[in-house]
Amino acid sequence: MTDTDPAAATTPRRRDAEGSRRALLDAARALFGERGYERTTVREIGEQAGVDPALIARYFGSKAALYVAALHSDQDHEAPAADLLAPGRLDEVLAKVDRVGPSPVLQAAVRPHDDQVVQRAARAALSARLTGPLEQRLERSGADRARLRAELAVAAVAGIALARSAGAFDALGAAPHAEVAELTTRMLEALAE
């Protein structure tokens, strides 16, 4: 006869639901940023998180809902976004891309998603974080066609960040981060005049 507690044998193992949910969210943000929505599988997210990928359905409902949660989670950790011409903001955006790859939000600027829920969430995040704050600055300065100018600027930054991370251009890929940020800032300032 053993000295085990019979109640312990029938009690289900306690899981750290919040820890698993957070691990899935962190893994999803990293993988979606690195590979994009379409090329990231739920299996890869589960593996990187160290949990069963079936938990995505339990905690989020679907891969698309996890993507949307990842976008909102990113916003929750950030203070209200400064515009791209605020001191240090462009440098911060480009440094983050250099560090972890292009985010799902930047990718939304150049790639449509098949899932309309995902597309709407990515566009809303893109507007809240990048386009909207710059448009507001341009409106305050009296620039004509502020929305168009803001969208052109964000499209340029997204293209630069994606091309730099993809290695599509030798000089751009090899240039020091500070130089890329400085030249891009000058380009955006000219667009804002």
N, C-alpha and C. Protein backbone atom coordinates (compact mmCIF):
# COMPACT_ATOMS: atom_id res chain seq x y z
N MET A 1 0.84 -1.18 0.00
CA MET A 1 0.00 0.00 0.00
C MET A 1 0.89 1.24 0.00
N THR A 2 0.48 2.25 -0.76
CA THR A 2 1.27 3.48 -0.83
C THR A 2 0.64 4.55 0.04
N ASP A 3 1.45 5.57 0.31
CA ASP A 3 0.98 6.68 1.14
C ASP A 3 0.50 7.85 0.29
N THR A 4 0.03 7.62 -0.92
CA THR A 4 -0.43 8.72 -1.76
C THR A 4 -1.83 9.13 -1.37
N ASP A 5 -2.11 10.37 -1.56
CA ASP A 5 -3.42 10.93 -1.26
C ASP A 5 -4.35 10.62 -2.43
N PRO A 6 -5.44 9.88 -2.21
CA PRO A 6 -6.34 9.54 -3.31
C PRO A 6 -6.98 10.78 -3.95
N ALA A 7 -7.18 11.84 -3.17
CA ALA A 7 -7.77 13.06 -3.74
C ALA A 7 -6.80 13.70 -4.72
N ALA A 8 -5.50 13.63 -4.44
CA ALA A 8 -4.51 14.22 -5.33
C ALA A 8 -4.50 13.49 -6.67
N ALA A 9 -4.75 12.18 -6.67
CA ALA A 9 -4.73 11.41 -7.90
C ALA A 9 -5.90 11.77 -8.80
N THR A 10 -7.01 12.21 -8.23
CA THR A 10 -8.18 12.53 -9.04
C THR A 10 -8.30 14.01 -9.35
N THR A 11 -7.49 14.86 -8.71
CA THR A 11 -7.52 16.30 -8.96
C THR A 11 -6.77 16.58 -10.25
N PRO A 12 -7.43 17.27 -11.19
CA PRO A 12 -6.73 17.56 -12.44
C PRO A 12 -5.52 18.46 -12.18
N ARG A 13 -4.49 18.23 -12.99
CA ARG A 13 -3.29 19.04 -12.85
C ARG A 13 -3.63 20.50 -13.11
N ARG A 14 -3.18 21.35 -12.24
CA ARG A 14 -3.48 22.78 -12.35
C ARG A 14 -2.61 23.38 -13.46
N ARG A 15 -3.23 24.10 -14.35
CA ARG A 15 -2.51 24.73 -15.46
C ARG A 15 -2.41 26.22 -15.23
N ASP A 16 -1.39 26.78 -15.79
CA ASP A 16 -1.21 28.22 -15.72
C ASP A 16 -1.83 28.81 -16.99
N ALA A 17 -3.14 29.00 -16.95
CA ALA A 17 -3.86 29.48 -18.13
C ALA A 17 -3.35 30.84 -18.58
N GLU A 18 -3.15 31.75 -17.63
CA GLU A 18 -2.68 33.08 -18.00
C GLU A 18 -1.27 33.03 -18.56
N GLY A 19 -0.42 32.18 -17.99
CA GLY A 19 0.94 32.03 -18.51
C GLY A 19 0.94 31.45 -19.91
N SER A 20 0.09 30.46 -20.16
CA SER A 20 -0.01 29.86 -21.49
C SER A 20 -0.54 30.87 -22.50
N ARG A 21 -1.55 31.61 -22.09
CA ARG A 21 -2.14 32.63 -22.97
C ARG A 21 -1.09 33.68 -23.32
N ARG A 22 -0.35 34.15 -22.34
CA ARG A 22 0.68 35.16 -22.56
C ARG A 22 1.79 34.61 -23.46
N ALA A 23 2.19 33.34 -23.24
CA ALA A 23 3.23 32.73 -24.07
C ALA A 23 2.78 32.62 -25.52
N LEU A 24 1.52 32.27 -25.74
CA LEU A 24 0.98 32.20 -27.10
C LEU A 24 0.97 33.58 -27.75
N LEU A 25 0.56 34.57 -26.99
CA LEU A 25 0.51 35.94 -27.51
C LEU A 25 1.91 36.44 -27.87
N ASP A 26 2.88 36.20 -26.99
CA ASP A 26 4.26 36.62 -27.26
C ASP A 26 4.83 35.91 -28.48
N ALA A 27 4.60 34.60 -28.56
CA ALA A 27 5.09 33.83 -29.70
C ALA A 27 4.42 34.29 -30.99
N ALA A 28 3.13 34.55 -30.92
CA ALA A 28 2.40 35.00 -32.11
C ALA A 28 2.92 36.34 -32.60
N ARG A 29 3.12 37.29 -31.68
CA ARG A 29 3.65 38.60 -32.09
C ARG A 29 5.00 38.44 -32.77
N ALA A 30 5.86 37.62 -32.21
CA ALA A 30 7.19 37.43 -32.80
C ALA A 30 7.11 36.77 -34.17
N LEU A 31 6.35 35.70 -34.27
CA LEU A 31 6.27 34.98 -35.54
C LEU A 31 5.50 35.75 -36.61
N PHE A 32 4.40 36.39 -36.24
CA PHE A 32 3.68 37.19 -37.22
C PHE A 32 4.57 38.33 -37.71
N GLY A 33 5.33 38.92 -36.82
CA GLY A 33 6.24 39.99 -37.21
C GLY A 33 7.34 39.51 -38.12
N GLU A 34 7.81 38.31 -37.88
CA GLU A 34 8.91 37.75 -38.66
C GLU A 34 8.45 37.22 -40.01
N ARG A 35 7.32 36.51 -40.03
CA ARG A 35 6.88 35.81 -41.24
C ARG A 35 5.60 36.32 -41.85
N GLY A 36 4.87 37.13 -41.11
CA GLY A 36 3.56 37.55 -41.59
C GLY A 36 2.48 36.57 -41.16
N TYR A 37 1.26 36.97 -41.33
CA TYR A 37 0.12 36.19 -40.89
C TYR A 37 0.00 34.86 -41.65
N GLU A 38 0.03 34.96 -42.98
CA GLU A 38 -0.23 33.78 -43.81
C GLU A 38 0.83 32.69 -43.66
N ARG A 39 2.09 33.08 -43.47
CA ARG A 39 3.17 32.08 -43.41
C ARG A 39 3.46 31.58 -42.00
N THR A 40 2.67 31.97 -41.04
CA THR A 40 2.84 31.50 -39.67
C THR A 40 1.76 30.48 -39.38
N THR A 41 2.16 29.32 -38.87
CA THR A 41 1.18 28.28 -38.55
C THR A 41 0.90 28.25 -37.05
N VAL A 42 -0.27 27.72 -36.70
CA VAL A 42 -0.60 27.59 -35.28
C VAL A 42 0.36 26.61 -34.61
N ARG A 43 0.81 25.62 -35.33
CA ARG A 43 1.76 24.66 -34.77
C ARG A 43 3.07 25.37 -34.37
N GLU A 44 3.57 26.25 -35.24
CA GLU A 44 4.79 27.00 -34.94
C GLU A 44 4.60 27.91 -33.72
N ILE A 45 3.44 28.53 -33.64
CA ILE A 45 3.16 29.40 -32.50
C ILE A 45 3.17 28.58 -31.21
N GLY A 46 2.48 27.44 -31.23
CA GLY A 46 2.45 26.57 -30.06
C GLY A 46 3.84 26.08 -29.67
N GLU A 47 4.63 25.69 -30.67
CA GLU A 47 6.00 25.21 -30.39
C GLU A 47 6.84 26.30 -29.75
N GLN A 48 6.79 27.51 -30.33
CA GLN A 48 7.60 28.60 -29.78
C GLN A 48 7.12 28.98 -28.38
N ALA A 49 5.83 28.88 -28.14
CA ALA A 49 5.27 29.22 -26.82
C ALA A 49 5.51 28.10 -25.81
N GLY A 50 5.79 26.90 -26.30
CA GLY A 50 6.00 25.76 -25.41
C GLY A 50 4.70 25.20 -24.86
N VAL A 51 3.62 25.38 -25.62
CA VAL A 51 2.32 24.86 -25.20
C VAL A 51 1.64 24.17 -26.38
N ASP A 52 0.60 23.44 -26.08
CA ASP A 52 -0.18 22.76 -27.12
C ASP A 52 -0.85 23.80 -28.02
N PRO A 53 -0.64 23.73 -29.33
CA PRO A 53 -1.25 24.72 -30.22
C PRO A 53 -2.78 24.71 -30.18
N ALA A 54 -3.38 23.63 -29.70
CA ALA A 54 -4.84 23.58 -29.56
C ALA A 54 -5.34 24.64 -28.59
N LEU A 55 -4.45 25.12 -27.72
CA LEU A 55 -4.85 26.15 -26.77
C LEU A 55 -5.16 27.48 -27.46
N ILE A 56 -4.70 27.65 -28.68
CA ILE A 56 -5.04 28.86 -29.44
C ILE A 56 -6.55 28.94 -29.60
N ALA A 57 -7.16 27.81 -29.96
CA ALA A 57 -8.62 27.77 -30.11
C ALA A 57 -9.31 28.03 -28.77
N ARG A 58 -8.78 27.48 -27.71
CA ARG A 58 -9.40 27.65 -26.39
C ARG A 58 -9.33 29.10 -25.91
N TYR A 59 -8.16 29.71 -26.01
CA TYR A 59 -7.97 31.05 -25.45
C TYR A 59 -8.33 32.18 -26.41
N PHE A 60 -8.24 31.94 -27.73
CA PHE A 60 -8.46 33.03 -28.67
C PHE A 60 -9.57 32.74 -29.68
N GLY A 61 -9.87 31.49 -29.93
CA GLY A 61 -10.92 31.13 -30.87
C GLY A 61 -10.40 30.71 -32.23
N SER A 62 -9.37 31.40 -32.73
CA SER A 62 -8.82 31.08 -34.05
C SER A 62 -7.48 31.79 -34.22
N LYS A 63 -6.78 31.42 -35.26
CA LYS A 63 -5.53 32.08 -35.59
C LYS A 63 -5.78 33.57 -35.89
N ALA A 64 -6.85 33.86 -36.61
CA ALA A 64 -7.17 35.25 -36.93
C ALA A 64 -7.43 36.06 -35.67
N ALA A 65 -8.16 35.48 -34.73
CA ALA A 65 -8.45 36.18 -33.48
C ALA A 65 -7.17 36.36 -32.66
N LEU A 66 -6.25 35.41 -32.72
CA LEU A 66 -4.95 35.55 -32.04
C LEU A 66 -4.17 36.70 -32.66
N TYR A 67 -4.21 36.81 -33.96
CA TYR A 67 -3.52 37.89 -34.65
C TYR A 67 -4.06 39.25 -34.20
N VAL A 68 -5.38 39.35 -34.17
CA VAL A 68 -6.01 40.60 -33.72
C VAL A 68 -5.63 40.89 -32.27
N ALA A 69 -5.63 39.86 -31.42
CA ALA A 69 -5.23 40.04 -30.01
C ALA A 69 -3.78 40.50 -29.92
N ALA A 70 -2.93 39.97 -30.79
CA ALA A 70 -1.52 40.38 -30.79
C ALA A 70 -1.38 41.85 -31.18
N LEU A 71 -2.18 42.29 -32.14
CA LEU A 71 -2.15 43.70 -32.53
C LEU A 71 -2.59 44.59 -31.37
N HIS A 72 -3.68 44.20 -30.71
CA HIS A 72 -4.19 44.99 -29.59
C HIS A 72 -3.23 44.94 -28.41
N SER A 73 -2.59 43.80 -28.21
CA SER A 73 -1.64 43.65 -27.11
C SER A 73 -0.46 44.58 -27.31
N ASP A 74 0.00 44.71 -28.54
CA ASP A 74 1.09 45.65 -28.83
C ASP A 74 0.67 47.06 -28.47
N GLN A 75 -0.56 47.43 -28.80
CA GLN A 75 -1.04 48.78 -28.50
C GLN A 75 -1.15 49.00 -27.00
N ASP A 76 -1.55 47.96 -26.26
CA ASP A 76 -1.71 48.10 -24.81
C ASP A 76 -0.39 48.42 -24.12
N HIS A 77 0.73 47.96 -24.69
CA HIS A 77 2.04 48.18 -24.08
C HIS A 77 2.66 49.51 -24.47
N GLU A 78 2.04 50.20 -25.39
CA GLU A 78 2.63 51.43 -25.88
C GLU A 78 1.86 52.63 -25.36
N ALA A 79 2.59 53.70 -25.11
CA ALA A 79 1.95 54.98 -24.82
C ALA A 79 1.32 55.45 -26.13
N PRO A 80 0.45 56.45 -26.07
CA PRO A 80 -0.08 56.96 -27.33
C PRO A 80 1.07 57.26 -28.29
N ALA A 81 0.91 56.84 -29.52
CA ALA A 81 2.00 56.91 -30.49
C ALA A 81 2.34 58.34 -30.87
N ALA A 82 3.62 58.63 -30.86
CA ALA A 82 4.11 59.90 -31.39
C ALA A 82 4.17 59.76 -32.91
N ASP A 83 4.11 60.89 -33.60
CA ASP A 83 4.18 60.81 -35.06
C ASP A 83 5.62 60.53 -35.50
N LEU A 84 5.76 60.12 -36.74
CA LEU A 84 7.06 59.71 -37.27
C LEU A 84 8.10 60.83 -37.29
N LEU A 85 7.67 62.09 -37.23
CA LEU A 85 8.61 63.19 -37.23
C LEU A 85 8.97 63.67 -35.82
N ALA A 86 8.35 63.09 -34.80
CA ALA A 86 8.72 63.43 -33.42
C ALA A 86 10.13 62.94 -33.16
N PRO A 87 10.90 63.67 -32.38
CA PRO A 87 12.29 63.26 -32.13
C PRO A 87 12.38 61.81 -31.64
N GLY A 88 13.16 61.03 -32.34
CA GLY A 88 13.42 59.65 -31.95
C GLY A 88 12.39 58.63 -32.42
N ARG A 89 11.22 59.06 -32.89
CA ARG A 89 10.16 58.10 -33.24
C ARG A 89 10.53 57.24 -34.44
N LEU A 90 11.00 57.84 -35.50
CA LEU A 90 11.38 57.07 -36.69
C LEU A 90 12.53 56.13 -36.35
N ASP A 91 13.49 56.63 -35.61
CA ASP A 91 14.61 55.80 -35.18
C ASP A 91 14.10 54.59 -34.39
N GLU A 92 13.13 54.83 -33.50
CA GLU A 92 12.54 53.75 -32.70
C GLU A 92 11.86 52.70 -33.58
N VAL A 93 11.09 53.15 -34.58
CA VAL A 93 10.39 52.23 -35.48
C VAL A 93 11.40 51.39 -36.26
N LEU A 94 12.41 52.05 -36.84
CA LEU A 94 13.40 51.33 -37.64
C LEU A 94 14.27 50.41 -36.77
N ALA A 95 14.59 50.85 -35.56
CA ALA A 95 15.39 50.02 -34.66
C ALA A 95 14.63 48.76 -34.27
N LYS A 96 13.33 48.88 -34.06
CA LYS A 96 12.52 47.71 -33.71
C LYS A 96 12.51 46.72 -34.87
N VAL A 97 12.39 47.22 -36.09
CA VAL A 97 12.42 46.33 -37.26
C VAL A 97 13.78 45.65 -37.36
N ASP A 98 14.86 46.41 -37.12
CA ASP A 98 16.20 45.81 -37.16
C ASP A 98 16.34 44.71 -36.10
N ARG A 99 15.72 44.94 -34.95
CA ARG A 99 15.85 44.02 -33.82
C ARG A 99 14.99 42.77 -33.98
N VAL A 100 13.71 42.93 -34.34
CA VAL A 100 12.79 41.79 -34.34
C VAL A 100 12.11 41.54 -35.68
N GLY A 101 12.44 42.31 -36.68
CA GLY A 101 11.80 42.15 -37.98
C GLY A 101 10.56 43.00 -38.09
N PRO A 102 10.00 43.08 -39.28
CA PRO A 102 8.83 43.93 -39.50
C PRO A 102 7.61 43.40 -38.75
N SER A 103 6.92 44.28 -38.11
CA SER A 103 5.74 43.90 -37.34
C SER A 103 4.57 43.61 -38.28
N PRO A 104 3.56 42.91 -37.77
CA PRO A 104 2.36 42.71 -38.58
C PRO A 104 1.74 44.03 -39.03
N VAL A 105 1.87 45.06 -38.22
CA VAL A 105 1.29 46.35 -38.58
C VAL A 105 2.02 46.93 -39.79
N LEU A 106 3.35 46.92 -39.79
CA LEU A 106 4.09 47.42 -40.96
C LEU A 106 3.79 46.58 -42.19
N GLN A 107 3.68 45.28 -42.00
CA GLN A 107 3.38 44.42 -43.14
C GLN A 107 2.00 44.71 -43.72
N ALA A 108 1.07 45.16 -42.86
CA ALA A 108 -0.27 45.50 -43.34
C ALA A 108 -0.24 46.66 -44.31
N ALA A 109 0.81 47.49 -44.24
CA ALA A 109 0.92 48.63 -45.15
C ALA A 109 1.20 48.19 -46.58
N VAL A 110 1.76 47.01 -46.75
CA VAL A 110 2.15 46.58 -48.10
C VAL A 110 1.54 45.27 -48.55
N ARG A 111 0.92 44.53 -47.64
CA ARG A 111 0.33 43.24 -47.99
C ARG A 111 -1.09 43.13 -47.46
N PRO A 112 -2.06 42.85 -48.33
CA PRO A 112 -3.41 42.63 -47.82
C PRO A 112 -3.52 41.23 -47.19
N HIS A 113 -4.42 41.11 -46.25
CA HIS A 113 -4.71 39.80 -45.64
C HIS A 113 -5.95 39.23 -46.28
N ASP A 114 -5.99 37.92 -46.40
CA ASP A 114 -7.17 37.26 -46.95
C ASP A 114 -8.35 37.37 -46.00
N ASP A 115 -8.09 37.33 -44.72
CA ASP A 115 -9.13 37.40 -43.70
C ASP A 115 -9.50 38.86 -43.45
N GLN A 116 -10.75 39.23 -43.71
CA GLN A 116 -11.17 40.62 -43.58
C GLN A 116 -11.11 41.14 -42.15
N VAL A 117 -11.34 40.28 -41.16
CA VAL A 117 -11.24 40.69 -39.76
C VAL A 117 -9.81 41.09 -39.45
N VAL A 118 -8.88 40.28 -39.91
CA VAL A 118 -7.46 40.56 -39.71
C VAL A 118 -7.07 41.84 -40.44
N GLN A 119 -7.52 41.99 -41.66
CA GLN A 119 -7.19 43.18 -42.45
C GLN A 119 -7.68 44.45 -41.76
N ARG A 120 -8.92 44.44 -41.27
CA ARG A 120 -9.45 45.62 -40.59
C ARG A 120 -8.65 45.94 -39.32
N ALA A 121 -8.31 44.91 -38.55
CA ALA A 121 -7.54 45.14 -37.32
C ALA A 121 -6.15 45.68 -37.62
N ALA A 122 -5.50 45.14 -38.63
CA ALA A 122 -4.16 45.61 -38.99
C ALA A 122 -4.20 47.04 -39.50
N ARG A 123 -5.20 47.36 -40.31
CA ARG A 123 -5.33 48.73 -40.82
C ARG A 123 -5.62 49.71 -39.70
N ALA A 124 -6.46 49.30 -38.75
CA ALA A 124 -6.77 50.18 -37.61
C ALA A 124 -5.52 50.43 -36.78
N ALA A 125 -4.73 49.39 -36.56
CA ALA A 125 -3.50 49.54 -35.79
C ALA A 125 -2.50 50.41 -36.54
N LEU A 126 -2.40 50.24 -37.84
CA LEU A 126 -1.50 51.05 -38.67
C LEU A 126 -1.89 52.52 -38.58
N SER A 127 -3.18 52.78 -38.63
CA SER A 127 -3.66 54.15 -38.54
C SER A 127 -3.39 54.74 -37.16
N ALA A 128 -3.67 53.97 -36.11
CA ALA A 128 -3.49 54.47 -34.75
C ALA A 128 -2.02 54.72 -34.41
N ARG A 129 -1.14 53.88 -34.90
CA ARG A 129 0.27 53.97 -34.52
C ARG A 129 1.11 54.86 -35.41
N LEU A 130 0.77 54.90 -36.70
CA LEU A 130 1.67 55.60 -37.63
C LEU A 130 0.97 56.69 -38.44
N THR A 131 -0.03 56.33 -39.20
CA THR A 131 -0.63 57.29 -40.12
C THR A 131 -1.37 58.41 -39.39
N GLY A 132 -2.21 58.05 -38.43
CA GLY A 132 -3.02 59.04 -37.72
C GLY A 132 -2.21 60.11 -37.01
N PRO A 133 -1.22 59.72 -36.19
CA PRO A 133 -0.43 60.76 -35.51
C PRO A 133 0.29 61.70 -36.48
N LEU A 134 0.80 61.18 -37.59
CA LEU A 134 1.48 62.04 -38.56
C LEU A 134 0.47 62.95 -39.26
N GLU A 135 -0.68 62.41 -39.60
CA GLU A 135 -1.72 63.22 -40.22
C GLU A 135 -2.11 64.39 -39.31
N GLN A 136 -2.25 64.14 -38.02
CA GLN A 136 -2.60 65.20 -37.08
C GLN A 136 -1.52 66.28 -37.04
N ARG A 137 -0.26 65.87 -37.04
CA ARG A 137 0.84 66.87 -37.06
C ARG A 137 0.75 67.73 -38.32
N LEU A 138 0.53 67.08 -39.45
CA LEU A 138 0.48 67.80 -40.72
C LEU A 138 -0.72 68.75 -40.76
N GLU A 139 -1.85 68.32 -40.22
CA GLU A 139 -3.02 69.20 -40.17
C GLU A 139 -2.74 70.42 -39.30
N ARG A 140 -2.10 70.20 -38.14
CA ARG A 140 -1.78 71.31 -37.25
C ARG A 140 -0.83 72.31 -37.91
N SER A 141 0.05 71.81 -38.77
CA SER A 141 1.00 72.70 -39.44
C SER A 141 0.41 73.36 -40.69
N GLY A 142 -0.83 73.00 -41.02
CA GLY A 142 -1.50 73.60 -42.17
C GLY A 142 -1.16 72.97 -43.51
N ALA A 143 -0.56 71.81 -43.50
CA ALA A 143 -0.20 71.14 -44.76
C ALA A 143 -1.47 70.73 -45.51
N ASP A 144 -1.46 70.92 -46.82
CA ASP A 144 -2.61 70.47 -47.60
C ASP A 144 -2.52 68.96 -47.81
N ARG A 145 -3.66 68.34 -47.98
CA ARG A 145 -3.76 66.89 -48.22
C ARG A 145 -2.98 66.11 -47.17
N ALA A 146 -3.24 66.42 -45.92
CA ALA A 146 -2.50 65.82 -44.80
C ALA A 146 -2.61 64.29 -44.79
N ARG A 147 -3.78 63.77 -45.06
CA ARG A 147 -3.94 62.31 -45.03
C ARG A 147 -3.07 61.66 -46.10
N LEU A 148 -3.10 62.18 -47.31
CA LEU A 148 -2.29 61.62 -48.39
C LEU A 148 -0.81 61.70 -48.05
N ARG A 149 -0.35 62.82 -47.53
CA ARG A 149 1.05 62.97 -47.17
C ARG A 149 1.44 61.97 -46.07
N ALA A 150 0.56 61.80 -45.08
CA ALA A 150 0.84 60.85 -44.00
C ALA A 150 0.91 59.43 -44.55
N GLU A 151 -0.01 59.08 -45.42
CA GLU A 151 0.01 57.73 -46.00
C GLU A 151 1.24 57.49 -46.86
N LEU A 152 1.65 58.50 -47.63
CA LEU A 152 2.88 58.37 -48.41
C LEU A 152 4.09 58.15 -47.51
N ALA A 153 4.15 58.91 -46.43
CA ALA A 153 5.27 58.78 -45.50
C ALA A 153 5.32 57.40 -44.86
N VAL A 154 4.17 56.91 -44.40
CA VAL A 154 4.12 55.60 -43.76
C VAL A 154 4.44 54.50 -44.78
N ALA A 155 3.92 54.63 -46.00
CA ALA A 155 4.23 53.65 -47.04
C ALA A 155 5.73 53.62 -47.33
N ALA A 156 6.36 54.78 -47.35
CA ALA A 156 7.80 54.85 -47.58
C ALA A 156 8.57 54.18 -46.45
N VAL A 157 8.19 54.48 -45.21
CA VAL A 157 8.86 53.88 -44.05
C VAL A 157 8.67 52.36 -44.05
N ALA A 158 7.45 51.91 -44.33
CA ALA A 158 7.19 50.47 -44.38
C ALA A 158 8.04 49.81 -45.46
N GLY A 159 8.09 50.43 -46.63
CA GLY A 159 8.89 49.88 -47.71
C GLY A 159 10.37 49.84 -47.36
N ILE A 160 10.86 50.89 -46.75
CA ILE A 160 12.28 50.92 -46.34
C ILE A 160 12.55 49.83 -45.31
N ALA A 161 11.69 49.74 -44.32
CA ALA A 161 11.89 48.74 -43.26
C ALA A 161 11.82 47.31 -43.81
N LEU A 162 10.85 47.05 -44.65
CA LEU A 162 10.71 45.70 -45.21
C LEU A 162 11.86 45.37 -46.15
N ALA A 163 12.24 46.31 -47.00
CA ALA A 163 13.34 46.06 -47.93
C ALA A 163 14.65 45.87 -47.18
N ARG A 164 14.85 46.65 -46.13
CA ARG A 164 16.07 46.53 -45.33
C ARG A 164 16.14 45.16 -44.66
N SER A 165 15.03 44.69 -44.09
CA SER A 165 15.04 43.40 -43.41
C SER A 165 15.11 42.24 -44.39
N ALA A 166 14.62 42.44 -45.61
CA ALA A 166 14.66 41.37 -46.61
C ALA A 166 15.99 41.31 -47.35
N GLY A 167 16.80 42.35 -47.20
CA GLY A 167 18.08 42.37 -47.90
C GLY A 167 17.93 42.60 -49.39
N ALA A 168 16.84 43.26 -49.79
CA ALA A 168 16.56 43.47 -51.21
C ALA A 168 17.53 44.45 -51.86
N PHE A 169 18.10 45.35 -51.06
CA PHE A 169 19.02 46.36 -51.59
C PHE A 169 20.31 46.31 -50.79
N ASP A 170 21.42 46.14 -51.49
CA ASP A 170 22.71 45.97 -50.82
C ASP A 170 23.10 47.17 -49.97
N ALA A 171 23.07 48.37 -50.54
CA ALA A 171 23.49 49.56 -49.80
C ALA A 171 22.56 49.83 -48.62
N LEU A 172 21.27 49.67 -48.83
CA LEU A 172 20.30 49.89 -47.76
C LEU A 172 20.50 48.87 -46.63
N GLY A 173 20.73 47.63 -46.99
CA GLY A 173 20.94 46.59 -45.98
C GLY A 173 22.23 46.77 -45.21
N ALA A 174 23.26 47.30 -45.87
CA ALA A 174 24.57 47.44 -45.23
C ALA A 174 24.73 48.76 -44.48
N ALA A 175 23.88 49.73 -44.77
CA ALA A 175 24.01 51.04 -44.13
C ALA A 175 23.75 50.96 -42.64
N PRO A 176 24.50 51.71 -41.86
CA PRO A 176 24.25 51.74 -40.41
C PRO A 176 22.83 52.26 -40.13
N HIS A 177 22.25 51.73 -39.08
CA HIS A 177 20.89 52.10 -38.70
C HIS A 177 20.73 53.61 -38.59
N ALA A 178 21.66 54.28 -37.94
CA ALA A 178 21.56 55.72 -37.71
C ALA A 178 21.51 56.50 -39.03
N GLU A 179 22.28 56.06 -40.00
CA GLU A 179 22.30 56.73 -41.30
C GLU A 179 20.96 56.55 -42.02
N VAL A 180 20.41 55.36 -41.98
CA VAL A 180 19.11 55.10 -42.60
C VAL A 180 18.04 55.97 -41.93
N ALA A 181 18.05 56.03 -40.61
CA ALA A 181 17.07 56.84 -39.89
C ALA A 181 17.21 58.32 -40.24
N GLU A 182 18.44 58.81 -40.33
CA GLU A 182 18.67 60.22 -40.65
C GLU A 182 18.18 60.57 -42.05
N LEU A 183 18.54 59.75 -43.02
CA LEU A 183 18.12 60.02 -44.40
C LEU A 183 16.62 59.88 -44.57
N THR A 184 16.03 58.92 -43.91
CA THR A 184 14.59 58.74 -44.00
C THR A 184 13.87 59.92 -43.34
N THR A 185 14.39 60.39 -42.23
CA THR A 185 13.79 61.55 -41.57
C THR A 185 13.82 62.77 -42.49
N ARG A 186 14.93 62.99 -43.16
CA ARG A 186 15.02 64.11 -44.11
C ARG A 186 13.98 63.98 -45.22
N MET A 187 13.82 62.77 -45.72
CA MET A 187 12.84 62.52 -46.78
C MET A 187 11.44 62.84 -46.27
N LEU A 188 11.11 62.40 -45.05
CA LEU A 188 9.79 62.65 -44.49
C LEU A 188 9.57 64.14 -44.22
N GLU A 189 10.60 64.82 -43.77
CA GLU A 189 10.48 66.26 -43.50
C GLU A 189 10.18 67.01 -44.81
N ALA A 190 10.80 66.61 -45.90
CA ALA A 190 10.52 67.24 -47.19
C ALA A 190 9.07 66.99 -47.60
N LEU A 191 8.57 65.81 -47.33
CA LEU A 191 7.18 65.48 -47.66
C LEU A 191 6.21 66.29 -46.80
N ALA A 192 6.62 66.64 -45.60
CA ALA A 192 5.75 67.37 -44.67
C ALA A 192 5.72 68.87 -44.94
N GLU A 193 6.59 69.38 -45.81
CA GLU A 193 6.63 70.84 -46.08
C GLU A 193 5.46 71.28 -46.90
